[in-house]
Amino acid sequence: MSSALERWCSYILLSMLAREGSVELFVGLRMYNSLVERCFTDCVDTFRRKTLDKQEETCVRRCAEKFLKHSMRVGMRFAELNNNAATKDD
């Protein structure tokens, strides 16, 4: 899917979910999809078997751990910045 079409589909889906109050669900699903796509692309080279080999499995596990740790760190940093901004306003 082209990036323009992808953005348009995301916009439409986000608009629909916003009406239903499910924006958090959309953001979570988008993050999960990004994680799966990135780790699969980086770690799986061939389709020799139905299951992952040991090297691919290790790569996927490390990729997912790094992605989740990074996401948590970014979230914590945003919270820190938000708290600092709220403190300055008082």
PDB file of N, CA and C in Angstrom:
ATOM      1  N   MET A   1       0.851  -1.171   0.000  1.00  0.00           N
ATOM      2  CA  MET A   1       0.000   0.000   0.000  1.00  0.00           C
ATOM      3  C   MET A   1       0.899   1.237   0.000  1.00  0.00           C
ATOM      4  N   SER A   2       0.580   2.226  -0.803  1.00  0.00           N
ATOM      5  CA  SER A   2       1.392   3.436  -0.848  1.00  0.00           C
ATOM      6  C   SER A   2       1.229   4.215   0.445  1.00  0.00           C
ATOM      7  N   SER A   3       2.220   5.044   0.754  1.00  0.00           N
ATOM      8  CA  SER A   3       2.167   5.774   2.022  1.00  0.00           C
ATOM      9  C   SER A   3       1.013   6.771   2.053  1.00  0.00           C
ATOM     10  N   ALA A   4       0.682   7.394   0.920  1.00  0.00           N
ATOM     11  CA  ALA A   4      -0.449   8.328   0.890  1.00  0.00           C
ATOM     12  C   ALA A   4      -1.758   7.587   1.147  1.00  0.00           C
ATOM     13  N   LEU A   5      -1.913   6.444   0.519  1.00  0.00           N
ATOM     14  CA  LEU A   5      -3.112   5.638   0.733  1.00  0.00           C
ATOM     15  C   LEU A   5      -3.160   5.115   2.164  1.00  0.00           C
ATOM     16  N   GLU A   6      -2.007   4.726   2.679  1.00  0.00           N
ATOM     17  CA  GLU A   6      -1.917   4.245   4.058  1.00  0.00           C
ATOM     18  C   GLU A   6      -2.334   5.339   5.038  1.00  0.00           C
ATOM     19  N   ARG A   7      -1.841   6.556   4.820  1.00  0.00           N
ATOM     20  CA  ARG A   7      -2.216   7.678   5.698  1.00  0.00           C
ATOM     21  C   ARG A   7      -3.700   7.962   5.597  1.00  0.00           C
ATOM     22  N   TRP A   8      -4.254   7.909   4.395  1.00  0.00           N
ATOM     23  CA  TRP A   8      -5.679   8.160   4.204  1.00  0.00           C
ATOM     24  C   TRP A   8      -6.509   7.106   4.935  1.00  0.00           C
ATOM     25  N   CYS A   9      -6.134   5.841   4.789  1.00  0.00           N
ATOM     26  CA  CYS A   9      -6.857   4.764   5.485  1.00  0.00           C
ATOM     27  C   CYS A   9      -6.749   4.934   6.996  1.00  0.00           C
ATOM     28  N   SER A  10      -5.568   5.301   7.476  1.00  0.00           N
ATOM     29  CA  SER A  10      -5.396   5.541   8.911  1.00  0.00           C
ATOM     30  C   SER A  10      -6.273   6.688   9.376  1.00  0.00           C
ATOM     31  N   TYR A  11      -6.346   7.741   8.581  1.00  0.00           N
ATOM     32  CA  TYR A  11      -7.178   8.895   8.926  1.00  0.00           C
ATOM     33  C   TYR A  11      -8.650   8.499   9.007  1.00  0.00           C
ATOM     34  N   ILE A  12      -9.122   7.754   8.022  1.00  0.00           N
ATOM     35  CA  ILE A  12     -10.521   7.314   8.014  1.00  0.00           C
ATOM     36  C   ILE A  12     -10.802   6.430   9.222  1.00  0.00           C
ATOM     37  N   LEU A  13      -9.921   5.467   9.479  1.00  0.00           N
ATOM     38  CA  LEU A  13     -10.112   4.567  10.612  1.00  0.00           C
ATOM     39  C   LEU A  13     -10.068   5.327  11.930  1.00  0.00           C
ATOM     40  N   LEU A  14      -9.141   6.243  12.071  1.00  0.00           N
ATOM     41  CA  LEU A  14      -9.043   7.048  13.285  1.00  0.00           C
ATOM     42  C   LEU A  14     -10.296   7.882  13.480  1.00  0.00           C
ATOM     43  N   SER A  15     -10.827   8.458  12.411  1.00  0.00           N
ATOM     44  CA  SER A  15     -12.059   9.248  12.496  1.00  0.00           C
ATOM     45  C   SER A  15     -13.228   8.391  12.964  1.00  0.00           C
ATOM     46  N   MET A  16     -13.328   7.189  12.418  1.00  0.00           N
ATOM     47  CA  MET A  16     -14.415   6.290  12.813  1.00  0.00           C
ATOM     48  C   MET A  16     -14.277   5.878  14.274  1.00  0.00           C
ATOM     49  N   LEU A  17     -13.065   5.551  14.688  1.00  0.00           N
ATOM     50  CA  LEU A  17     -12.845   5.125  16.065  1.00  0.00           C
ATOM     51  C   LEU A  17     -13.033   6.272  17.048  1.00  0.00           C
ATOM     52  N   ALA A  18     -12.671   7.487  16.638  1.00  0.00           N
ATOM     53  CA  ALA A  18     -12.836   8.642  17.515  1.00  0.00           C
ATOM     54  C   ALA A  18     -14.304   8.862  17.838  1.00  0.00           C
ATOM     55  N   ARG A  19     -15.168   8.625  16.868  1.00  0.00           N
ATOM     56  CA  ARG A  19     -16.601   8.759  17.108  1.00  0.00           C
ATOM     57  C   ARG A  19     -17.085   7.746  18.135  1.00  0.00           C
ATOM     58  N   GLU A  20     -16.420   6.610  18.179  1.00  0.00           N
ATOM     59  CA  GLU A  20     -16.805   5.555  19.112  1.00  0.00           C
ATOM     60  C   GLU A  20     -15.992   5.600  20.402  1.00  0.00           C
ATOM     61  N   GLY A  21     -15.054   6.525  20.521  1.00  0.00           N
ATOM     62  CA  GLY A  21     -14.230   6.622  21.720  1.00  0.00           C
ATOM     63  C   GLY A  21     -13.160   5.549  21.822  1.00  0.00           C
ATOM     64  N   SER A  22     -12.689   5.045  20.696  1.00  0.00           N
ATOM     65  CA  SER A  22     -11.719   3.949  20.705  1.00  0.00           C
ATOM     66  C   SER A  22     -10.364   4.369  20.156  1.00  0.00           C
ATOM     67  N   VAL A  23      -9.989   5.608  20.347  1.00  0.00           N
ATOM     68  CA  VAL A  23      -8.718   6.091  19.807  1.00  0.00           C
ATOM     69  C   VAL A  23      -7.551   5.333  20.433  1.00  0.00           C
ATOM     70  N   GLU A  24      -7.632   5.055  21.737  1.00  0.00           N
ATOM     71  CA  GLU A  24      -6.554   4.330  22.406  1.00  0.00           C
ATOM     72  C   GLU A  24      -6.367   2.944  21.793  1.00  0.00           C
ATOM     73  N   LEU A  25      -7.464   2.303  21.461  1.00  0.00           N
ATOM     74  CA  LEU A  25      -7.401   0.989  20.825  1.00  0.00           C
ATOM     75  C   LEU A  25      -6.694   1.092  19.480  1.00  0.00           C
ATOM     76  N   PHE A  26      -7.036   2.100  18.698  1.00  0.00           N
ATOM     77  CA  PHE A  26      -6.409   2.297  17.391  1.00  0.00           C
ATOM     78  C   PHE A  26      -4.907   2.512  17.539  1.00  0.00           C
ATOM     79  N   VAL A  27      -4.518   3.355  18.484  1.00  0.00           N
ATOM     80  CA  VAL A  27      -3.097   3.639  18.688  1.00  0.00           C
ATOM     81  C   VAL A  27      -2.360   2.372  19.118  1.00  0.00           C
ATOM     82  N   GLY A  28      -2.966   1.597  19.999  1.00  0.00           N
ATOM     83  CA  GLY A  28      -2.354   0.345  20.438  1.00  0.00           C
ATOM     84  C   GLY A  28      -2.207  -0.653  19.308  1.00  0.00           C
ATOM     85  N   LEU A  29      -3.248  -0.782  18.492  1.00  0.00           N
ATOM     86  CA  LEU A  29      -3.184  -1.701  17.354  1.00  0.00           C
ATOM     87  C   LEU A  29      -2.153  -1.250  16.335  1.00  0.00           C
ATOM     88  N   ARG A  30      -2.055   0.043  16.135  1.00  0.00           N
ATOM     89  CA  ARG A  30      -1.075   0.571  15.186  1.00  0.00           C
ATOM     90  C   ARG A  30       0.351   0.296  15.675  1.00  0.00           C
ATOM     91  N   MET A  31       0.574   0.473  16.983  1.00  0.00           N
ATOM     92  CA  MET A  31       1.892   0.201  17.550  1.00  0.00           C
ATOM     93  C   MET A  31       2.227  -1.289  17.424  1.00  0.00           C
ATOM     94  N   TYR A  32       1.273  -2.138  17.726  1.00  0.00           N
ATOM     95  CA  TYR A  32       1.474  -3.585  17.614  1.00  0.00           C
ATOM     96  C   TYR A  32       1.788  -3.977  16.170  1.00  0.00           C
ATOM     97  N   ASN A  33       1.039  -3.431  15.230  1.00  0.00           N
ATOM     98  CA  ASN A  33       1.265  -3.726  13.817  1.00  0.00           C
ATOM     99  C   ASN A  33       2.658  -3.274  13.380  1.00  0.00           C
ATOM    100  N   SER A  34       3.072  -2.121  13.847  1.00  0.00           N
ATOM    101  CA  SER A  34       4.402  -1.614  13.525  1.00  0.00           C
ATOM    102  C   SER A  34       5.483  -2.538  14.080  1.00  0.00           C
ATOM    103  N   LEU A  35       5.287  -3.008  15.304  1.00  0.00           N
ATOM    104  CA  LEU A  35       6.236  -3.929  15.925  1.00  0.00           C
ATOM    105  C   LEU A  35       6.354  -5.219  15.123  1.00  0.00           C
ATOM    106  N   VAL A  36       5.226  -5.807  14.775  1.00  0.00           N
ATOM    107  CA  VAL A  36       5.228  -7.066  14.027  1.00  0.00           C
ATOM    108  C   VAL A  36       5.898  -6.888  12.673  1.00  0.00           C
ATOM    109  N   GLU A  37       5.535  -5.833  11.969  1.00  0.00           N
ATOM    110  CA  GLU A  37       6.105  -5.603  10.634  1.00  0.00           C
ATOM    111  C   GLU A  37       7.610  -5.385  10.696  1.00  0.00           C
ATOM    112  N   ARG A  38       8.051  -4.553  11.638  1.00  0.00           N
ATOM    113  CA  ARG A  38       9.481  -4.251  11.739  1.00  0.00           C
ATOM    114  C   ARG A  38      10.289  -5.492  12.104  1.00  0.00           C
ATOM    115  N   CYS A  39       9.855  -6.208  13.126  1.00  0.00           N
ATOM    116  CA  CYS A  39      10.619  -7.379  13.570  1.00  0.00           C
ATOM    117  C   CYS A  39      10.599  -8.490  12.527  1.00  0.00           C
ATOM    118  N   PHE A  40       9.470  -8.697  11.878  1.00  0.00           N
ATOM    119  CA  PHE A  40       9.401  -9.725  10.837  1.00  0.00           C
ATOM    120  C   PHE A  40      10.333  -9.369   9.682  1.00  0.00           C
ATOM    121  N   THR A  41      10.286  -8.125   9.244  1.00  0.00           N
ATOM    122  CA  THR A  41      11.129  -7.688   8.128  1.00  0.00           C
ATOM    123  C   THR A  41      12.607  -7.811   8.469  1.00  0.00           C
ATOM    124  N   ASP A  42      12.976  -7.446   9.697  1.00  0.00           N
ATOM    125  CA  ASP A  42      14.378  -7.489  10.102  1.00  0.00           C
ATOM    126  C   ASP A  42      14.897  -8.904  10.355  1.00  0.00           C
ATOM    127  N   CYS A  43      14.030  -9.792  10.811  1.00  0.00           N
ATOM    128  CA  CYS A  43      14.505 -11.087  11.319  1.00  0.00           C
ATOM    129  C   CYS A  43      14.246 -12.286  10.417  1.00  0.00           C
ATOM    130  N   VAL A  44      13.228 -12.248   9.599  1.00  0.00           N
ATOM    131  CA  VAL A  44      12.879 -13.423   8.796  1.00  0.00           C
ATOM    132  C   VAL A  44      13.358 -13.208   7.364  1.00  0.00           C
ATOM    133  N   ASP A  45      14.311 -14.052   6.953  1.00  0.00           N
ATOM    134  CA  ASP A  45      14.906 -13.912   5.624  1.00  0.00           C
ATOM    135  C   ASP A  45      14.322 -14.882   4.606  1.00  0.00           C
ATOM    136  N   THR A  46      14.017 -16.070   5.051  1.00  0.00           N
ATOM    137  CA  THR A  46      13.539 -17.103   4.136  1.00  0.00           C
ATOM    138  C   THR A  46      12.301 -17.774   4.713  1.00  0.00           C
ATOM    139  N   PHE A  47      11.651 -18.552   3.879  1.00  0.00           N
ATOM    140  CA  PHE A  47      10.465 -19.286   4.305  1.00  0.00           C
ATOM    141  C   PHE A  47      10.714 -20.783   4.123  1.00  0.00           C
ATOM    142  N   ARG A  48      11.804 -21.249   4.716  1.00  0.00           N
ATOM    143  CA  ARG A  48      12.196 -22.661   4.597  1.00  0.00           C
ATOM    144  C   ARG A  48      11.220 -23.585   5.313  1.00  0.00           C
ATOM    145  N   ARG A  49      10.724 -23.119   6.461  1.00  0.00           N
ATOM    146  CA  ARG A  49       9.850 -23.956   7.286  1.00  0.00           C
ATOM    147  C   ARG A  49       8.651 -23.147   7.763  1.00  0.00           C
ATOM    148  N   LYS A  50       7.680 -23.853   8.334  1.00  0.00           N
ATOM    149  CA  LYS A  50       6.494 -23.180   8.868  1.00  0.00           C
ATOM    150  C   LYS A  50       6.809 -22.428  10.153  1.00  0.00           C
ATOM    151  N   THR A  51       7.793 -22.910  10.893  1.00  0.00           N
ATOM    152  CA  THR A  51       8.145 -22.288  12.168  1.00  0.00           C
ATOM    153  C   THR A  51       9.449 -21.516  12.029  1.00  0.00           C
ATOM    154  N   LEU A  52       9.694 -20.636  12.971  1.00  0.00           N
ATOM    155  CA  LEU A  52      10.939 -19.881  12.984  1.00  0.00           C
ATOM    156  C   LEU A  52      12.076 -20.786  13.424  1.00  0.00           C
ATOM    157  N   ASP A  53      13.253 -20.586  12.832  1.00  0.00           N
ATOM    158  CA  ASP A  53      14.403 -21.321  13.344  1.00  0.00           C
ATOM    159  C   ASP A  53      14.930 -20.590  14.581  1.00  0.00           C
ATOM    160  N   LYS A  54      15.902 -21.176  15.248  1.00  0.00           N
ATOM    161  CA  LYS A  54      16.403 -20.634  16.518  1.00  0.00           C
ATOM    162  C   LYS A  54      16.919 -19.201  16.359  1.00  0.00           C
ATOM    163  N   GLN A  55      17.654 -18.945  15.294  1.00  0.00           N
ATOM    164  CA  GLN A  55      18.225 -17.619  15.061  1.00  0.00           C
ATOM    165  C   GLN A  55      17.120 -16.588  14.828  1.00  0.00           C
ATOM    166  N   GLU A  56      16.125 -16.924  14.030  1.00  0.00           N
ATOM    167  CA  GLU A  56      15.010 -16.011  13.768  1.00  0.00           C
ATOM    168  C   GLU A  56      14.216 -15.741  15.042  1.00  0.00           C
ATOM    169  N   GLU A  57      13.989 -16.793  15.818  1.00  0.00           N
ATOM    170  CA  GLU A  57      13.238 -16.649  17.061  1.00  0.00           C
ATOM    171  C   GLU A  57      13.954 -15.717  18.036  1.00  0.00           C
ATOM    172  N   THR A  58      15.262 -15.882  18.162  1.00  0.00           N
ATOM    173  CA  THR A  58      16.057 -15.016  19.031  1.00  0.00           C
ATOM    174  C   THR A  58      16.010 -13.578  18.540  1.00  0.00           C
ATOM    175  N   CYS A  59      16.139 -13.393  17.243  1.00  0.00           N
ATOM    176  CA  CYS A  59      16.096 -12.054  16.652  1.00  0.00           C
ATOM    177  C   CYS A  59      14.753 -11.378  16.911  1.00  0.00           C
ATOM    178  N   VAL A  60      13.660 -12.104  16.694  1.00  0.00           N
ATOM    179  CA  VAL A  60      12.322 -11.542  16.906  1.00  0.00           C
ATOM    180  C   VAL A  60      12.131 -11.173  18.371  1.00  0.00           C
ATOM    181  N   ARG A  61      12.563 -12.041  19.283  1.00  0.00           N
ATOM    182  CA  ARG A  61      12.423 -11.763  20.712  1.00  0.00           C
ATOM    183  C   ARG A  61      13.190 -10.498  21.099  1.00  0.00           C
ATOM    184  N   ARG A  62      14.433 -10.392  20.645  1.00  0.00           N
ATOM    185  CA  ARG A  62      15.248  -9.207  20.959  1.00  0.00           C
ATOM    186  C   ARG A  62      14.648  -7.944  20.345  1.00  0.00           C
ATOM    187  N   CYS A  63      14.188  -8.057  19.124  1.00  0.00           N
ATOM    188  CA  CYS A  63      13.575  -6.918  18.438  1.00  0.00           C
ATOM    189  C   CYS A  63      12.354  -6.425  19.209  1.00  0.00           C
ATOM    190  N   ALA A  64      11.496  -7.352  19.615  1.00  0.00           N
ATOM    191  CA  ALA A  64      10.286  -6.982  20.351  1.00  0.00           C
ATOM    192  C   ALA A  64      10.637  -6.362  21.696  1.00  0.00           C
ATOM    193  N   GLU A  65      11.613  -6.932  22.398  1.00  0.00           N
ATOM    194  CA  GLU A  65      12.027  -6.384  23.688  1.00  0.00           C
ATOM    195  C   GLU A  65      12.559  -4.964  23.534  1.00  0.00           C
ATOM    196  N   LYS A  66      13.406  -4.740  22.533  1.00  0.00           N
ATOM    197  CA  LYS A  66      13.949  -3.401  22.294  1.00  0.00           C
ATOM    198  C   LYS A  66      12.839  -2.411  21.968  1.00  0.00           C
ATOM    199  N   PHE A  67      11.915  -2.823  21.113  1.00  0.00           N
ATOM    200  CA  PHE A  67      10.813  -1.953  20.713  1.00  0.00           C
ATOM    201  C   PHE A  67       9.973  -1.567  21.924  1.00  0.00           C
ATOM    202  N   LEU A  68       9.640  -2.542  22.759  1.00  0.00           N
ATOM    203  CA  LEU A  68       8.799  -2.274  23.924  1.00  0.00           C
ATOM    204  C   LEU A  68       9.533  -1.426  24.960  1.00  0.00           C
ATOM    205  N   LYS A  69      10.815  -1.702  25.192  1.00  0.00           N
ATOM    206  CA  LYS A  69      11.597  -0.881  26.125  1.00  0.00           C
ATOM    207  C   LYS A  69      11.685   0.555  25.629  1.00  0.00           C
ATOM    208  N   HIS A  70      11.912   0.716  24.341  1.00  0.00           N
ATOM    209  CA  HIS A  70      11.985   2.052  23.759  1.00  0.00           C
ATOM    210  C   HIS A  70      10.648   2.778  23.907  1.00  0.00           C
ATOM    211  N   SER A  71       9.560   2.089  23.616  1.00  0.00           N
ATOM    212  CA  SER A  71       8.232   2.696  23.734  1.00  0.00           C
ATOM    213  C   SER A  71       7.941   3.113  25.169  1.00  0.00           C
ATOM    214  N   MET A  72       8.322   2.264  26.125  1.00  0.00           N
ATOM    215  CA  MET A  72       8.111   2.607  27.533  1.00  0.00           C
ATOM    216  C   MET A  72       8.943   3.819  27.920  1.00  0.00           C
ATOM    217  N   ARG A  73      10.182   3.869  27.463  1.00  0.00           N
ATOM    218  CA  ARG A  73      11.064   5.000  27.789  1.00  0.00           C
ATOM    219  C   ARG A  73      10.529   6.297  27.189  1.00  0.00           C
ATOM    220  N   VAL A  74      10.064   6.242  25.965  1.00  0.00           N
ATOM    221  CA  VAL A  74       9.490   7.432  25.329  1.00  0.00           C
ATOM    222  C   VAL A  74       8.252   7.887  26.098  1.00  0.00           C
ATOM    223  N   GLY A  75       7.400   6.940  26.488  1.00  0.00           N
ATOM    224  CA  GLY A  75       6.213   7.278  27.270  1.00  0.00           C
ATOM    225  C   GLY A  75       6.569   7.920  28.596  1.00  0.00           C
ATOM    226  N   MET A  76       7.596   7.385  29.273  1.00  0.00           N
ATOM    227  CA  MET A  76       8.033   7.966  30.546  1.00  0.00           C
ATOM    228  C   MET A  76       8.572   9.372  30.338  1.00  0.00           C
ATOM    229  N   ARG A  77       9.300   9.571  29.262  1.00  0.00           N
ATOM    230  CA  ARG A  77       9.870  10.900  28.980  1.00  0.00           C
ATOM    231  C   ARG A  77       8.767  11.913  28.693  1.00  0.00           C
ATOM    232  N   PHE A  78       7.756  11.512  27.920  1.00  0.00           N
ATOM    233  CA  PHE A  78       6.624  12.403  27.673  1.00  0.00           C
ATOM    234  C   PHE A  78       5.917  12.750  28.976  1.00  0.00           C
ATOM    235  N   ALA A  79       5.766  11.773  29.863  1.00  0.00           N
ATOM    236  CA  ALA A  79       5.126  12.027  31.156  1.00  0.00           C
ATOM    237  C   ALA A  79       5.944  13.019  31.973  1.00  0.00           C
ATOM    238  N   GLU A  80       7.276  12.865  31.968  1.00  0.00           N
ATOM    239  CA  GLU A  80       8.146  13.807  32.673  1.00  0.00           C
ATOM    240  C   GLU A  80       7.978  15.218  32.122  1.00  0.00           C
ATOM    241  N   LEU A  81       8.009  15.337  30.803  1.00  0.00           N
ATOM    242  CA  LEU A  81       7.858  16.653  30.180  1.00  0.00           C
ATOM    243  C   LEU A  81       6.488  17.253  30.477  1.00  0.00           C
ATOM    244  N   ASN A  82       5.463  16.422  30.473  1.00  0.00           N
ATOM    245  CA  ASN A  82       4.115  16.884  30.771  1.00  0.00           C
ATOM    246  C   ASN A  82       4.021  17.368  32.218  1.00  0.00           C
ATOM    247  N   ASN A  83       4.629  16.627  33.149  1.00  0.00           N
ATOM    248  CA  ASN A  83       4.633  17.044  34.552  1.00  0.00           C
ATOM    249  C   ASN A  83       5.393  18.345  34.739  1.00  0.00           C
ATOM    250  N   ASN A  84       6.532  18.483  34.061  1.00  0.00           N
ATOM    251  CA  ASN A  84       7.310  19.722  34.153  1.00  0.00           C
ATOM    252  C   ASN A  84       6.523  20.904  33.609  1.00  0.00           C
ATOM    253  N   ALA A  85       5.827  20.707  32.509  1.00  0.00           N
ATOM    254  CA  ALA A  85       5.020  21.785  31.931  1.00  0.00           C
ATOM    255  C   ALA A  85       3.869  22.147  32.860  1.00  0.00           C
ATOM    256  N   ALA A  86       3.251  21.153  33.490  1.00  0.00           N
ATOM    257  CA  ALA A  86       2.144  21.414  34.414  1.00  0.00           C
ATOM    258  C   ALA A  86       2.643  22.136  35.658  1.00  0.00           C
ATOM    259  N   THR A  87       3.840  21.791  36.131  1.00  0.00           N
ATOM    260  CA  THR A  87       4.417  22.435  37.306  1.00  0.00           C
ATOM    261  C   THR A  87       4.734  23.896  37.017  1.00  0.00           C
ATOM    262  N   LYS A  88       5.238  24.183  35.832  1.00  0.00           N
ATOM    263  CA  LYS A  88       5.564  25.560  35.461  1.00  0.00           C
ATOM    264  C   LYS A  88       4.323  26.428  35.359  1.00  0.00           C
ATOM    265  N   ASP A  89       3.194  25.829  34.980  1.00  0.00           N
ATOM    266  CA  ASP A  89       1.949  26.583  34.846  1.00  0.00           C
ATOM    267  C   ASP A  89       1.376  26.977  36.195  1.00  0.00           C
ATOM    268  N   ASP A  90       1.723  26.246  37.256  1.00  0.00           N
ATOM    269  CA  ASP A  90       1.172  26.536  38.592  1.00  0.00           C
ATOM    270  C   ASP A  90       1.826  27.685  39.228  1.00  0.00           C
TER     271      ASP A  90
END
